[in-house]
Amino acid sequence: MSRPARIEVAVREYALLGEGPTWDPALSRLVWVDILGRRIHTYEPGSGRRSVTAVAQHIGAAKPRAGGGLVANLRDGIGLYDAGGAFSWLRHDPVPGRRGNDAAVAPDGSLWAGTMRYDEGPGGGDLVRFAADGTATALLDEVTISNGIGWSPDASLAYYVDTPTRRVDTLRLREGRIAERTPFARVEPGAGYPDGLTVDADGCVWVALWDGGQLRRYTPRGSLDRIVDLPVARPTACAFGGAALRDLYVTTARTGLNDPSAPAGSLLVLPDAGQGVPGTPFAG
């Protein structure tokens, strides 16, 4: 089940909490964030060109927008950056002690954005769907650490992680609301905690294990069929990128580690790891 994999450092970095890799096909680049470092990073594999942009507050995720720019899940709400970098709020909703965490763009172009408390208090976060005009629809409440979000290739169901549950769940919607939430895969105690995820063209779910130093892939039936050991203790999320969506990029963290390994905080890549699915830009 555990198979050797070629693992490279795509970008040497010292991110405190690297997160949320996303391929931006319009600009042939990968976008990811350092949540605690308040940075948006980009990397163009074809040229090696990269950029680092400081933001004013903690940022849980940044995703491409239709027409250019980024939508960001920030401490105090959902922000928009246009193609030139100008900022505006789509939804400004600060809650003391809480910040935005992982987010993903659904196949319909809406943004699913999660939150969590800084003290990781149980039930202190939520998962909300934001339409292009900023209309918010609550999907889940009493979430602790809202994390990985992805969709099956046919968009019939979503995958979701609330990290302390040690589960990946499936979500089925009816009339814009979650009608069914079902455990899909469980991570055993001692193996780490599920964090960010991505879904490949075969419908398999890849999950990064925080404090587990692994990526795991689960079949559409929820069976564990591949384990990739990584040279870092805290991988946070993964996404397919590159022109053919064949390379699997992995964000990593240094925060909370007394003696982090050399690649901790860097962007890793597993070349030719599988086949990704084209993403959807935020419609707003």
Protein backbone atom coordinates (compact mmCIF):
# COMPACT_ATOMS: atom_id res chain seq x y z
CA MET A 1 0.00 0.00 0.00
CA SER A 2 2.83 2.38 0.82
CA ARG A 3 4.60 3.12 -2.43
CA PRO A 4 7.84 5.01 -3.02
CA ALA A 5 7.26 8.37 -4.63
CA ARG A 6 9.54 10.95 -6.13
CA ILE A 7 9.22 14.03 -3.95
CA GLU A 8 10.84 17.34 -4.81
CA VAL A 9 10.94 20.79 -3.27
CA ALA A 10 9.18 23.00 -5.82
CA VAL A 11 9.67 26.21 -3.81
CA ARG A 12 12.00 26.46 -0.84
CA GLU A 13 10.12 28.56 1.70
CA TYR A 14 9.76 29.00 5.47
CA ALA A 15 6.00 29.37 5.69
CA LEU A 16 4.63 29.15 9.20
CA LEU A 17 1.39 27.59 7.99
CA GLY A 18 1.42 26.96 4.25
CA GLU A 19 -2.04 25.99 3.01
CA GLY A 20 -4.54 25.76 0.19
CA PRO A 21 -2.63 25.01 -3.05
CA THR A 22 -4.75 25.72 -6.14
CA TRP A 23 -3.87 25.61 -9.82
CA ASP A 24 -4.73 28.78 -11.76
CA PRO A 25 -4.93 27.67 -15.42
CA ALA A 26 -5.45 31.17 -16.77
CA LEU A 27 -1.98 32.19 -15.56
CA SER A 28 -0.33 28.72 -15.50
CA ARG A 29 0.57 29.11 -11.86
CA LEU A 30 0.00 27.60 -8.46
CA VAL A 31 -1.50 29.81 -5.74
CA TRP A 32 -1.18 29.06 -2.03
CA VAL A 33 -1.10 30.96 1.27
CA ASP A 34 0.83 31.20 4.52
CA ILE A 35 -2.04 31.66 6.96
CA LEU A 36 -0.09 32.91 9.95
CA GLY A 37 2.58 34.64 7.86
CA ARG A 38 -0.16 36.67 6.10
CA ARG A 39 1.18 35.96 2.64
CA ILE A 40 -0.20 34.92 -0.75
CA HIS A 41 2.33 32.93 -2.78
CA THR A 42 2.32 32.12 -6.49
CA TYR A 43 4.62 29.84 -8.49
CA GLU A 44 4.86 29.29 -12.25
CA PRO A 45 6.42 25.86 -12.87
CA GLY A 46 7.14 26.63 -16.52
CA SER A 47 9.36 29.63 -15.82
CA GLY A 48 10.18 29.21 -12.14
CA ARG A 49 8.82 32.71 -11.55
CA ARG A 50 7.17 33.29 -8.17
CA SER A 51 5.64 36.11 -6.17
CA VAL A 52 4.89 36.80 -2.52
CA THR A 53 2.20 39.31 -1.53
CA ALA A 54 1.67 40.50 2.05
CA VAL A 55 -1.91 40.88 3.25
CA ALA A 56 -3.28 42.79 6.22
CA GLN A 57 -4.61 39.85 8.23
CA HIS A 58 -4.51 36.09 8.54
CA ILE A 59 -5.63 34.44 5.32
CA GLY A 60 -7.03 30.90 5.19
CA ALA A 61 -7.27 30.49 1.42
CA ALA A 62 -6.96 32.34 -1.89
CA LYS A 63 -8.66 31.05 -5.06
CA PRO A 64 -8.75 32.28 -8.67
CA ARG A 65 -11.66 34.46 -9.82
CA ALA A 66 -13.28 34.42 -13.23
CA GLY A 67 -11.82 37.33 -15.16
CA GLY A 68 -8.69 37.50 -13.00
CA GLY A 69 -7.74 38.18 -9.43
CA LEU A 70 -8.41 36.17 -6.29
CA VAL A 71 -11.11 35.57 -3.71
CA ALA A 72 -9.73 35.20 -0.18
CA ASN A 73 -11.03 33.65 3.04
CA LEU A 74 -9.66 36.14 5.56
CA ARG A 75 -9.84 36.58 9.31
CA ASP A 76 -12.75 39.01 9.05
CA GLY A 77 -14.65 37.69 6.05
CA ILE A 78 -14.42 37.15 2.30
CA GLY A 79 -12.25 39.56 0.33
CA LEU A 80 -11.73 40.15 -3.38
CA TYR A 81 -8.50 41.09 -5.16
CA ASP A 82 -8.84 42.26 -8.73
CA ALA A 83 -6.28 41.45 -11.41
CA GLY A 84 -4.30 44.54 -10.45
CA GLY A 85 -4.26 43.68 -6.74
CA ALA A 86 -6.89 46.19 -5.57
CA PHE A 87 -8.87 44.89 -2.58
CA SER A 88 -12.55 45.06 -1.61
CA TRP A 89 -14.80 43.13 0.77
CA LEU A 90 -17.37 40.75 -0.62
CA ARG A 91 -18.58 39.97 2.89
CA HIS A 92 -17.14 41.70 5.96
CA ASP A 93 -18.19 39.75 9.05
CA PRO A 94 -15.56 39.86 11.83
CA VAL A 95 -16.10 37.57 14.82
CA PRO A 96 -13.71 38.07 17.77
CA GLY A 97 -11.46 35.05 18.27
CA ARG A 98 -12.32 33.48 14.92
CA ARG A 99 -10.66 33.38 11.49
CA GLY A 100 -11.19 31.96 8.03
CA ASN A 101 -9.54 28.63 7.29
CA ASP A 102 -9.72 26.38 4.23
CA ALA A 103 -12.01 27.19 1.30
CA ALA A 104 -12.75 25.84 -2.17
CA VAL A 105 -14.71 26.86 -5.25
CA ALA A 106 -17.61 24.55 -6.06
CA PRO A 107 -18.41 23.39 -9.60
CA ASP A 108 -21.18 26.02 -9.75
CA GLY A 109 -18.68 28.84 -9.11
CA SER A 110 -19.67 29.53 -5.51
CA LEU A 111 -17.12 29.64 -2.68
CA TRP A 112 -17.38 27.24 0.24
CA ALA A 113 -15.47 28.86 3.09
CA GLY A 114 -14.79 27.45 6.54
CA THR A 115 -13.88 29.11 9.82
CA MET A 116 -12.36 28.12 13.17
CA ARG A 117 -11.58 29.69 16.52
CA TYR A 118 -7.98 30.63 17.24
CA ASP A 119 -8.18 28.57 20.43
CA GLU A 120 -9.65 25.66 18.42
CA GLY A 121 -12.67 25.66 20.70
CA PRO A 122 -15.13 22.84 19.88
CA GLY A 123 -17.99 23.94 17.66
CA GLY A 124 -16.63 27.46 17.24
CA GLY A 125 -16.47 27.42 13.43
CA ASP A 126 -18.76 26.89 10.48
CA LEU A 127 -18.95 26.22 6.74
CA VAL A 128 -20.70 28.80 4.57
CA ARG A 129 -21.45 28.98 0.83
CA PHE A 130 -20.93 32.40 -0.79
CA ALA A 131 -22.57 33.23 -4.12
CA ALA A 132 -21.01 35.63 -6.59
CA ASP A 133 -23.03 38.55 -5.16
CA GLY A 134 -21.93 37.80 -1.60
CA THR A 135 -25.14 36.05 -0.54
CA ALA A 136 -24.23 33.67 2.28
CA THR A 137 -25.88 30.30 2.93
CA ALA A 138 -24.96 28.40 6.09
CA LEU A 139 -24.05 24.80 5.30
CA LEU A 140 -22.65 23.50 8.60
CA ASP A 141 -22.42 25.02 12.06
CA GLU A 142 -20.69 23.84 15.25
CA VAL A 143 -17.58 22.91 13.28
CA THR A 144 -14.27 22.91 15.17
CA ILE A 145 -11.54 23.13 12.48
CA SER A 146 -13.19 23.45 9.08
CA ASN A 147 -10.71 22.00 6.61
CA GLY A 148 -10.45 20.02 3.36
CA ILE A 149 -13.20 20.55 0.78
CA GLY A 150 -13.50 18.91 -2.65
CA TRP A 151 -15.99 17.45 -5.11
CA SER A 152 -16.36 14.17 -6.95
CA PRO A 153 -15.57 14.43 -10.70
CA ASP A 154 -19.29 14.29 -11.55
CA ALA A 155 -20.04 16.94 -8.87
CA SER A 156 -22.67 14.71 -7.29
CA LEU A 157 -21.19 14.99 -3.81
CA ALA A 158 -18.69 16.97 -1.79
CA TYR A 159 -15.95 15.75 0.53
CA TYR A 160 -15.32 17.57 3.79
CA VAL A 161 -13.01 17.45 6.82
CA ASP A 162 -13.57 18.76 10.33
CA THR A 163 -10.08 17.85 11.51
CA PRO A 164 -10.67 16.75 15.14
CA THR A 165 -13.25 14.17 14.01
CA ARG A 166 -10.42 12.28 12.21
CA ARG A 167 -12.87 11.73 9.36
CA VAL A 168 -13.43 12.64 5.76
CA ASP A 169 -17.19 12.95 5.21
CA THR A 170 -19.34 13.09 2.11
CA LEU A 171 -21.97 15.81 1.79
CA ARG A 172 -25.03 15.65 -0.45
CA LEU A 173 -27.03 18.78 -1.13
CA ARG A 174 -30.71 19.30 -1.77
CA GLU A 175 -32.06 22.73 -2.71
CA GLY A 176 -28.79 24.35 -1.72
CA ARG A 177 -28.69 22.76 1.74
CA ILE A 178 -26.83 19.75 3.08
CA ALA A 179 -29.35 16.92 3.15
CA GLU A 180 -26.96 14.11 4.07
CA ARG A 181 -23.57 13.89 5.79
CA THR A 182 -21.93 10.46 5.80
CA PRO A 183 -18.54 9.28 7.10
CA PHE A 184 -16.36 8.34 4.10
CA ALA A 185 -12.95 7.50 5.61
CA ARG A 186 -11.47 7.49 9.10
CA VAL A 187 -7.87 8.14 10.17
CA GLU A 188 -6.81 5.90 13.02
CA PRO A 189 -5.42 7.41 16.26
CA GLY A 190 -1.69 7.92 16.10
CA ALA A 191 -1.61 8.39 12.33
CA GLY A 192 -2.12 12.15 12.35
CA TYR A 193 -5.14 14.30 11.54
CA PRO A 194 -6.85 14.83 8.17
CA ASP A 195 -6.29 18.33 6.80
CA GLY A 196 -6.63 19.54 3.20
CA LEU A 197 -7.68 17.29 0.34
CA THR A 198 -8.09 17.01 -3.41
CA VAL A 199 -9.98 14.64 -5.71
CA ASP A 200 -8.39 13.12 -8.82
CA ALA A 201 -9.92 12.15 -12.17
CA ASP A 202 -10.52 8.59 -10.94
CA GLY A 203 -12.62 9.93 -8.09
CA CYS A 204 -9.98 9.05 -5.51
CA VAL A 205 -9.55 11.40 -2.54
CA TRP A 206 -6.03 12.49 -1.53
CA VAL A 207 -5.72 13.75 2.06
CA ALA A 208 -2.77 15.40 3.83
CA LEU A 209 -2.21 14.16 7.38
CA TRP A 210 -1.16 16.88 9.83
CA ASP A 211 1.28 15.39 12.37
CA GLY A 212 1.22 12.23 10.27
CA GLY A 213 3.81 13.14 7.63
CA GLN A 214 1.79 11.45 4.90
CA LEU A 215 -0.54 11.79 1.98
CA ARG A 216 -3.22 9.13 1.78
CA ARG A 217 -5.39 8.25 -1.19
CA TYR A 218 -8.82 6.70 -0.75
CA THR A 219 -10.85 5.06 -3.51
CA PRO A 220 -14.38 6.32 -4.26
CA ARG A 221 -15.60 3.55 -1.92
CA GLY A 222 -13.52 4.92 0.93
CA SER A 223 -10.84 2.21 0.91
CA LEU A 224 -7.26 3.28 1.61
CA ASP A 225 -5.17 2.27 -1.41
CA ARG A 226 -2.04 4.42 -1.28
CA ILE A 227 0.20 6.01 1.36
CA VAL A 228 2.97 8.45 0.47
CA ASP A 229 5.47 9.22 3.23
CA LEU A 230 6.69 12.81 3.16
CA PRO A 231 9.86 14.46 4.52
CA VAL A 232 7.81 16.79 6.75
CA ALA A 233 5.70 16.21 9.86
CA ARG A 234 2.95 18.67 8.97
CA PRO A 235 1.73 18.52 5.38
CA THR A 236 -1.42 20.61 5.17
CA ALA A 237 -3.06 20.25 1.77
CA CYS A 238 -2.54 19.01 -1.79
CA ALA A 239 -3.65 19.89 -5.32
CA PHE A 240 -2.87 18.79 -8.86
CA GLY A 241 -1.20 21.35 -11.07
CA GLY A 242 0.98 21.86 -14.10
CA ALA A 243 -0.17 22.16 -17.70
CA ALA A 244 -1.57 18.62 -17.79
CA LEU A 245 -2.66 18.53 -14.11
CA ARG A 246 -0.34 15.56 -13.51
CA ASP A 247 1.85 16.94 -10.72
CA LEU A 248 0.65 16.83 -7.12
CA TYR A 249 1.67 19.88 -5.07
CA VAL A 250 1.75 19.77 -1.26
CA THR A 251 1.83 22.70 1.16
CA THR A 252 3.56 22.28 4.52
CA ALA A 253 3.90 23.99 7.91
CA ARG A 254 6.61 24.84 10.45
CA THR A 255 4.41 26.27 13.18
CA GLY A 256 4.51 24.46 16.53
CA LEU A 257 7.56 22.34 15.68
CA ASN A 258 10.61 22.60 17.93
CA ASP A 259 12.97 21.16 15.33
CA PRO A 260 11.30 21.28 11.90
CA SER A 261 12.86 19.31 9.07
CA ALA A 262 14.59 21.27 6.31
CA PRO A 263 11.65 21.20 3.84
CA ALA A 264 9.05 22.22 6.46
CA GLY A 265 7.23 25.33 5.24
CA SER A 266 8.17 24.68 1.61
CA LEU A 267 6.00 23.76 -1.35
CA LEU A 268 6.60 20.13 -2.33
CA VAL A 269 5.70 18.38 -5.57
CA LEU A 270 5.18 14.75 -6.57
CA PRO A 271 5.76 14.74 -10.36
CA ASP A 272 3.36 12.68 -12.45
CA ALA A 273 1.46 11.45 -9.39
CA GLY A 274 -1.88 11.04 -11.14
CA GLN A 275 -4.48 13.00 -13.07
CA GLY A 276 -6.19 16.03 -11.62
CA VAL A 277 -9.57 17.54 -12.48
CA PRO A 278 -9.85 21.10 -13.85
CA GLY A 279 -11.07 23.49 -11.20
CA THR A 280 -13.68 26.22 -11.42
CA PRO A 281 -12.86 29.91 -10.76
CA PHE A 282 -15.00 31.89 -8.34
CA ALA A 283 -17.84 33.45 -10.31
CA GLY A 284 -17.73 36.78 -8.46
